[in-house]
Protein backbone atom coordinates (compact mmCIF):
# COMPACT_ATOMS: atom_id res chain seq x y z
CA MET A 1 11.14 -10.38 26.44
CA VAL A 2 8.39 -8.94 28.61
CA CYS A 3 6.01 -6.02 28.00
CA LYS A 4 7.11 -3.20 30.30
CA GLY A 5 4.07 -0.97 29.68
CA ILE A 6 6.02 1.69 27.76
CA CYS A 7 4.08 0.85 24.61
CA VAL A 8 0.91 2.48 25.98
CA ARG A 9 2.52 5.89 25.38
CA HIS A 10 2.94 5.04 21.69
CA LYS A 11 -0.45 3.42 21.10
CA ALA A 12 -1.91 4.20 17.66
CA LYS A 13 -5.55 5.18 17.21
CA ASN A 14 -7.82 3.10 14.99
CA THR A 15 -8.16 4.57 11.51
CA GLY A 16 -11.17 2.54 10.40
CA GLY A 17 -9.92 -0.63 8.73
CA ARG A 18 -7.81 -3.71 9.35
CA TYR A 19 -5.30 -3.06 6.56
CA LEU A 20 -5.55 0.75 6.68
CA ARG A 21 -3.48 0.73 9.87
CA TYR A 22 -0.50 -0.67 7.97
CA ILE A 23 -0.94 1.76 5.07
CA ASN A 24 -0.92 4.67 7.54
CA GLY A 25 2.43 3.51 8.93
CA GLN A 26 1.18 1.80 12.08
CA VAL A 27 2.83 -1.46 13.12
CA ARG A 28 1.78 -4.27 15.47
CA CYS A 29 3.70 -5.80 18.33
CA ASN A 30 2.43 -9.33 18.93
CA LEU A 31 3.89 -9.58 22.42
CA CYS A 32 2.37 -6.30 23.68
CA GLU A 33 -0.77 -6.94 21.56
CA ILE A 34 -0.96 -3.31 20.48
CA PHE A 35 -0.64 -1.19 17.34
CA LEU A 36 2.18 1.34 17.62
CA THR A 37 3.01 4.63 15.96
CA SER A 38 6.46 5.25 14.52
CA GLU A 39 7.65 6.66 17.88
CA GLY A 40 7.30 3.21 19.46
CA VAL A 41 9.55 1.58 16.87
CA GLN A 42 13.27 1.03 17.20
CA ILE A 43 14.99 0.48 13.82
CA LYS A 44 17.96 -1.89 13.83
CA PRO A 45 19.99 -3.34 10.93
CA HIS A 46 17.93 -6.55 10.94
CA GLY A 47 14.46 -4.99 11.11
CA LYS A 48 12.06 -3.01 13.26
CA TYR A 49 11.59 -3.74 16.96
CA CYS A 50 9.24 -2.62 19.73
CA LYS A 51 10.87 -0.14 22.14
CA CYS A 52 8.88 -1.60 25.02
CA CYS A 53 9.69 -5.31 24.84
CA GLY A 54 12.32 -5.61 22.10
CA ASN A 55 10.19 -8.02 20.08
CA LYS A 56 10.29 -7.86 16.26
CA ILE A 57 7.16 -6.09 15.03
CA ARG A 58 4.86 -6.79 12.11
CA SER A 59 4.51 -4.09 9.45
CA LYS A 60 2.30 -6.00 6.98
CA PRO A 61 -1.08 -7.72 7.51
CA ARG A 62 -1.18 -11.51 8.01
CA CYS A 63 -4.59 -12.55 6.66
CA SER A 64 -4.75 -13.20 2.91
CA ALA A 65 -7.74 -10.91 2.26
CA CYS A 66 -6.04 -8.02 4.06
CA LYS A 67 -2.75 -8.68 2.25
CA LYS A 68 -4.49 -8.46 -1.11
CA ALA A 69 -6.21 -5.20 -0.17
CA TYR A 70 -2.96 -3.83 1.29
CA GLU A 71 -1.10 -4.52 -1.97
CA GLU A 72 -3.84 -3.12 -4.23
CA LEU A 73 -4.77 0.06 -2.34
CA PRO A 74 -1.51 2.04 -2.77
CA SER A 75 -1.66 1.55 -6.55
CA ILE A 76 -5.20 3.00 -6.62
CA THR A 77 -4.40 6.05 -4.49
CA ASN A 78 -1.10 6.91 -6.23
């Protein structure tokens, strides 16, 4: 799996916070090291993958503080 540079067309703009990106539907490709919009995502039966490199993408934050905020924020806004 190699980044082919296609992901640049689907690069997501920063929305102001680390966990807000995930709440707004943006996902991260670790191989391309970029946040993608939904157009850069290929959905397969086993998960979501980057259209550029084919690597499985991350749709939830990794750090514990961001995870906590990510889980609590939707319940406040809904």
